[in-house]
Every structure is written in structure tokens, then in C-alpha cells.
Amino acid sequence: MNEHARPMSVSEQADELEENMMHELERIGDQVDAALSQRRQAANGHGAGDPGQEPWQTFLDGPDPRLPPMPEKPTLVDYFRNRFASTSHLLQSANHALKAGHSEKVILACLLHDIAVVSFIRCDHGYWGAQMIEPYVDEEVAWAIKVHQALRFFPTKPPDIPTRKPT
């Protein structure tokens, strides 16, 4: 960085980080595309695959062996335990809202706002999270979850905090 350049704002830092992460995802996506292309070629007999293997056997068909098995009749708790990433951020957000005295709607929105992230949907997680829960929650909760990701880009006016006079 140029020693005479002004320091980046927090928003500019976030934009730079997001840009770098996008490029990293593109790089990973290119690697995945190349690996899938090799598997397709092998499955079609155009590459080095198992000659006794059927083309449909090259791709995952059924439960993912990397994940723990689900019960026959899974509950929401089973999904949280066996399919979602860490939920501590969601619980922490809901706990802050609860302690701050917010309404049940706000607490529920805090509890569910990153539900798509913990279920491994990263890109546009607000939109997809709202799609997941919309049939089950109040319209305002679904809307808040849908737009929470984009709202970080809009400045907010600081609250009017009355100043205390020295005693």
C-alpha cells in the first residue's frame, strides 16, 4: 500500500475482502469444474475410469458418506445436529435480542437470520434463508431475513443519545 494513501474505511475493507473471497470461490469453482469434467469423461469411456463401472455410478446417488445418517423420520433438531454448521452465532444473536428486550418477532429473526449459512448456502444466504422459513413465520420475520445481508451496505443514522450533564 502506498504510504501516502489514506487508510481504507471499514466498508472499503469489507468490499475488498468480499472481492477476494469471490475470486477464491471462482478459483475453487474452476477446480471443481475440471474435476467433474474428468469424471464425466471417465464415465463416458473417454478417460481413465474403472472400465467395469457404469456411468451413473461415477456420481453420488444417495446419502453423502461424509455426513452422519439421518433418522427415518428426522425432526428439526436432527437437521441442526446432522446437517447444519455451527449455530452459535444464531444463538448469540437471539440471546442479545432477548436481553435487549426486543419483541418475539425480532428474537425469532435473529435466531433464524443465517439459517441458510449454517445449512451451507453462502451466496445470497438472506434470500435463500427467507425462502426456507417463509411458510412457517410471520411475513415481517421473513422480510427481515431476506434483506439483512444487503442492509449492511446502507449507512445508518446514529441514534439520538441524550448527553449527560456533569453533576
Protein backbone atom coordinates (compact mmCIF):
# COMPACT_ATOMS: atom_id res chain seq x y z
CA MET A 1 0.00 0.00 0.00
CA ASN A 2 1.24 3.49 -0.82
CA GLU A 3 2.45 5.17 2.37
CA HIS A 4 0.70 8.42 1.37
CA ALA A 5 -2.64 6.78 0.56
CA ARG A 6 -5.44 7.26 3.01
CA PRO A 7 -6.41 4.23 5.11
CA MET A 8 -9.36 2.25 3.84
CA SER A 9 -12.70 2.66 5.57
CA VAL A 10 -14.34 -0.35 7.18
CA SER A 11 -16.77 -0.50 4.23
CA GLU A 12 -13.89 -0.45 1.74
CA GLN A 13 -12.13 -3.19 3.71
CA ALA A 14 -15.32 -5.28 3.64
CA ASP A 15 -15.65 -4.71 -0.12
CA GLU A 16 -12.03 -5.74 -0.69
CA LEU A 17 -12.46 -8.86 1.46
CA GLU A 18 -15.66 -9.77 -0.40
CA GLU A 19 -13.89 -9.25 -3.75
CA ASN A 20 -11.01 -11.51 -2.68
CA MET A 21 -13.42 -14.16 -1.44
CA MET A 22 -15.32 -14.03 -4.75
CA HIS A 23 -12.09 -14.65 -6.66
CA GLU A 24 -11.22 -17.51 -4.32
CA LEU A 25 -14.65 -19.07 -4.92
CA GLU A 26 -14.16 -18.70 -8.67
CA ARG A 27 -10.78 -20.47 -8.39
CA ILE A 28 -12.35 -23.29 -6.36
CA GLY A 29 -15.26 -23.47 -8.82
CA ASP A 30 -12.81 -23.84 -11.71
CA GLN A 31 -11.11 -26.72 -9.88
CA VAL A 32 -14.47 -28.40 -9.24
CA ASP A 33 -15.49 -27.93 -12.89
CA ALA A 34 -12.22 -29.51 -14.03
CA ALA A 35 -12.66 -32.47 -11.66
CA LEU A 36 -16.28 -33.01 -12.79
CA SER A 37 -15.22 -32.83 -16.42
CA GLN A 38 -12.61 -35.53 -15.80
CA ARG A 39 -15.20 -37.71 -14.06
CA ARG A 40 -17.68 -37.25 -16.91
CA GLN A 41 -15.01 -38.17 -19.46
CA ALA A 42 -14.06 -41.23 -17.43
CA ALA A 43 -17.74 -42.22 -17.10
CA ASN A 44 -18.23 -41.93 -20.85
CA GLY A 45 -15.15 -44.04 -21.60
CA HIS A 46 -13.09 -41.03 -22.72
CA GLY A 47 -10.66 -41.13 -19.83
CA ALA A 48 -9.06 -43.30 -17.23
CA GLY A 49 -12.01 -44.65 -15.26
CA ASP A 50 -12.93 -48.07 -13.92
CA PRO A 51 -13.91 -49.98 -17.07
CA GLY A 52 -16.43 -52.10 -15.14
CA GLN A 53 -18.19 -49.07 -13.70
CA GLU A 54 -21.48 -47.80 -15.11
CA PRO A 55 -21.61 -44.04 -15.95
CA TRP A 56 -24.28 -43.37 -13.29
CA GLN A 57 -22.00 -44.86 -10.60
CA THR A 58 -19.48 -42.06 -11.11
CA PHE A 59 -21.74 -39.53 -9.43
CA LEU A 60 -23.14 -39.57 -5.91
CA ASP A 61 -26.53 -41.21 -5.89
CA GLY A 62 -27.86 -41.47 -2.37
CA PRO A 63 -26.69 -40.32 1.06
CA ASP A 64 -23.44 -38.42 1.26
CA PRO A 65 -20.98 -40.67 3.13
CA ARG A 66 -19.28 -37.61 4.64
CA LEU A 67 -22.39 -36.77 6.69
CA PRO A 68 -23.89 -38.67 9.62
CA PRO A 69 -27.02 -40.64 8.71
CA MET A 70 -30.41 -39.07 9.37
CA PRO A 71 -33.11 -40.90 11.35
CA GLU A 72 -36.01 -42.44 9.43
CA LYS A 73 -38.30 -39.52 10.45
CA PRO A 74 -35.96 -36.55 11.07
CA THR A 75 -37.01 -33.61 13.24
CA LEU A 76 -35.79 -30.02 13.05
CA VAL A 77 -33.34 -30.84 15.85
CA ASP A 78 -31.95 -33.71 13.75
CA TYR A 79 -31.29 -31.29 10.89
CA PHE A 80 -29.49 -28.90 13.23
CA ARG A 81 -27.39 -31.74 14.69
CA ASN A 82 -26.61 -33.62 11.48
CA ARG A 83 -26.76 -31.16 8.60
CA PHE A 84 -26.11 -27.64 9.81
CA ALA A 85 -22.81 -25.99 10.66
CA SER A 86 -22.28 -24.24 13.99
CA THR A 87 -25.34 -22.42 15.26
CA SER A 88 -23.57 -20.45 17.99
CA HIS A 89 -23.79 -17.17 16.02
CA LEU A 90 -27.56 -17.58 15.67
CA LEU A 91 -27.99 -18.36 19.36
CA GLN A 92 -25.77 -15.43 20.33
CA SER A 93 -27.78 -13.03 18.13
CA ALA A 94 -31.09 -14.22 19.57
CA ASN A 95 -29.69 -14.00 23.10
CA HIS A 96 -28.61 -10.37 22.53
CA ALA A 97 -32.07 -9.51 21.20
CA LEU A 98 -33.72 -11.23 24.16
CA LYS A 99 -31.53 -9.39 26.69
CA ALA A 100 -32.18 -6.08 24.90
CA GLY A 101 -35.93 -6.60 25.37
CA HIS A 102 -36.88 -6.95 21.71
CA SER A 103 -40.17 -8.47 20.56
CA GLU A 104 -40.58 -12.17 19.83
CA LYS A 105 -40.53 -11.37 16.09
CA VAL A 106 -37.11 -9.74 16.34
CA ILE A 107 -35.76 -12.56 18.53
CA LEU A 108 -37.03 -15.15 16.03
CA ALA A 109 -35.50 -13.22 13.12
CA CYS A 110 -32.17 -13.12 14.98
CA LEU A 111 -32.38 -16.84 15.66
CA LEU A 112 -33.05 -17.65 12.00
CA HIS A 113 -31.26 -14.86 10.09
CA ASP A 114 -28.32 -17.01 8.93
CA ILE A 115 -30.18 -20.33 8.71
CA ALA A 116 -29.11 -20.69 5.07
CA VAL A 117 -25.44 -20.15 6.00
CA VAL A 118 -25.49 -22.91 8.61
CA SER A 119 -27.10 -25.18 6.03
CA PHE A 120 -24.16 -24.43 3.73
CA ILE A 121 -25.72 -21.88 1.38
CA ARG A 122 -23.32 -18.94 1.38
CA CYS A 123 -24.14 -16.84 -1.67
CA ASP A 124 -27.24 -14.70 -1.20
CA HIS A 125 -27.98 -16.50 2.07
CA GLY A 126 -30.54 -13.92 3.18
CA TYR A 127 -32.75 -14.62 0.17
CA TRP A 128 -32.45 -18.40 0.45
CA GLY A 129 -32.91 -18.38 4.22
CA ALA A 130 -36.14 -16.41 3.81
CA GLN A 131 -37.30 -18.92 1.20
CA MET A 132 -36.69 -21.77 3.65
CA ILE A 133 -38.67 -20.28 6.54
CA GLU A 134 -41.30 -18.10 4.81
CA PRO A 135 -44.10 -20.68 5.03
CA TYR A 136 -43.60 -21.01 8.79
CA VAL A 137 -43.02 -17.49 10.13
CA ASP A 138 -44.58 -14.03 10.10
CA GLU A 139 -44.13 -12.01 6.90
CA GLU A 140 -42.01 -9.38 8.71
CA VAL A 141 -39.60 -12.03 10.00
CA ALA A 142 -39.14 -13.49 6.50
CA TRP A 143 -38.61 -9.99 5.06
CA ALA A 144 -36.02 -9.09 7.70
CA ILE A 145 -34.08 -12.28 6.99
CA LYS A 146 -34.32 -11.73 3.24
CA VAL A 147 -32.82 -8.22 3.36
CA HIS A 148 -30.42 -8.44 6.32
CA GLN A 149 -27.49 -9.33 4.09
CA ALA A 150 -27.95 -6.31 1.82
CA LEU A 151 -28.69 -3.83 4.61
CA ARG A 152 -25.05 -3.85 5.77
CA PHE A 153 -24.23 -1.72 2.71
CA PHE A 154 -26.53 1.13 3.75
CA PRO A 155 -25.38 3.68 6.33
CA THR A 156 -27.48 4.11 9.42
CA LYS A 157 -28.03 7.30 11.30
CA PRO A 158 -26.68 7.02 14.82
CA PRO A 159 -29.41 7.10 17.45
CA ASP A 160 -30.09 10.36 19.21
CA ILE A 161 -28.45 9.74 22.56
CA PRO A 162 -29.13 12.41 25.14
CA THR A 163 -25.92 13.74 26.60
CA ARG A 164 -25.49 13.74 30.34
CA LYS A 165 -24.63 16.99 32.01
CA PRO A 166 -21.83 16.73 34.53
CA THR A 167 -23.10 16.87 38.09
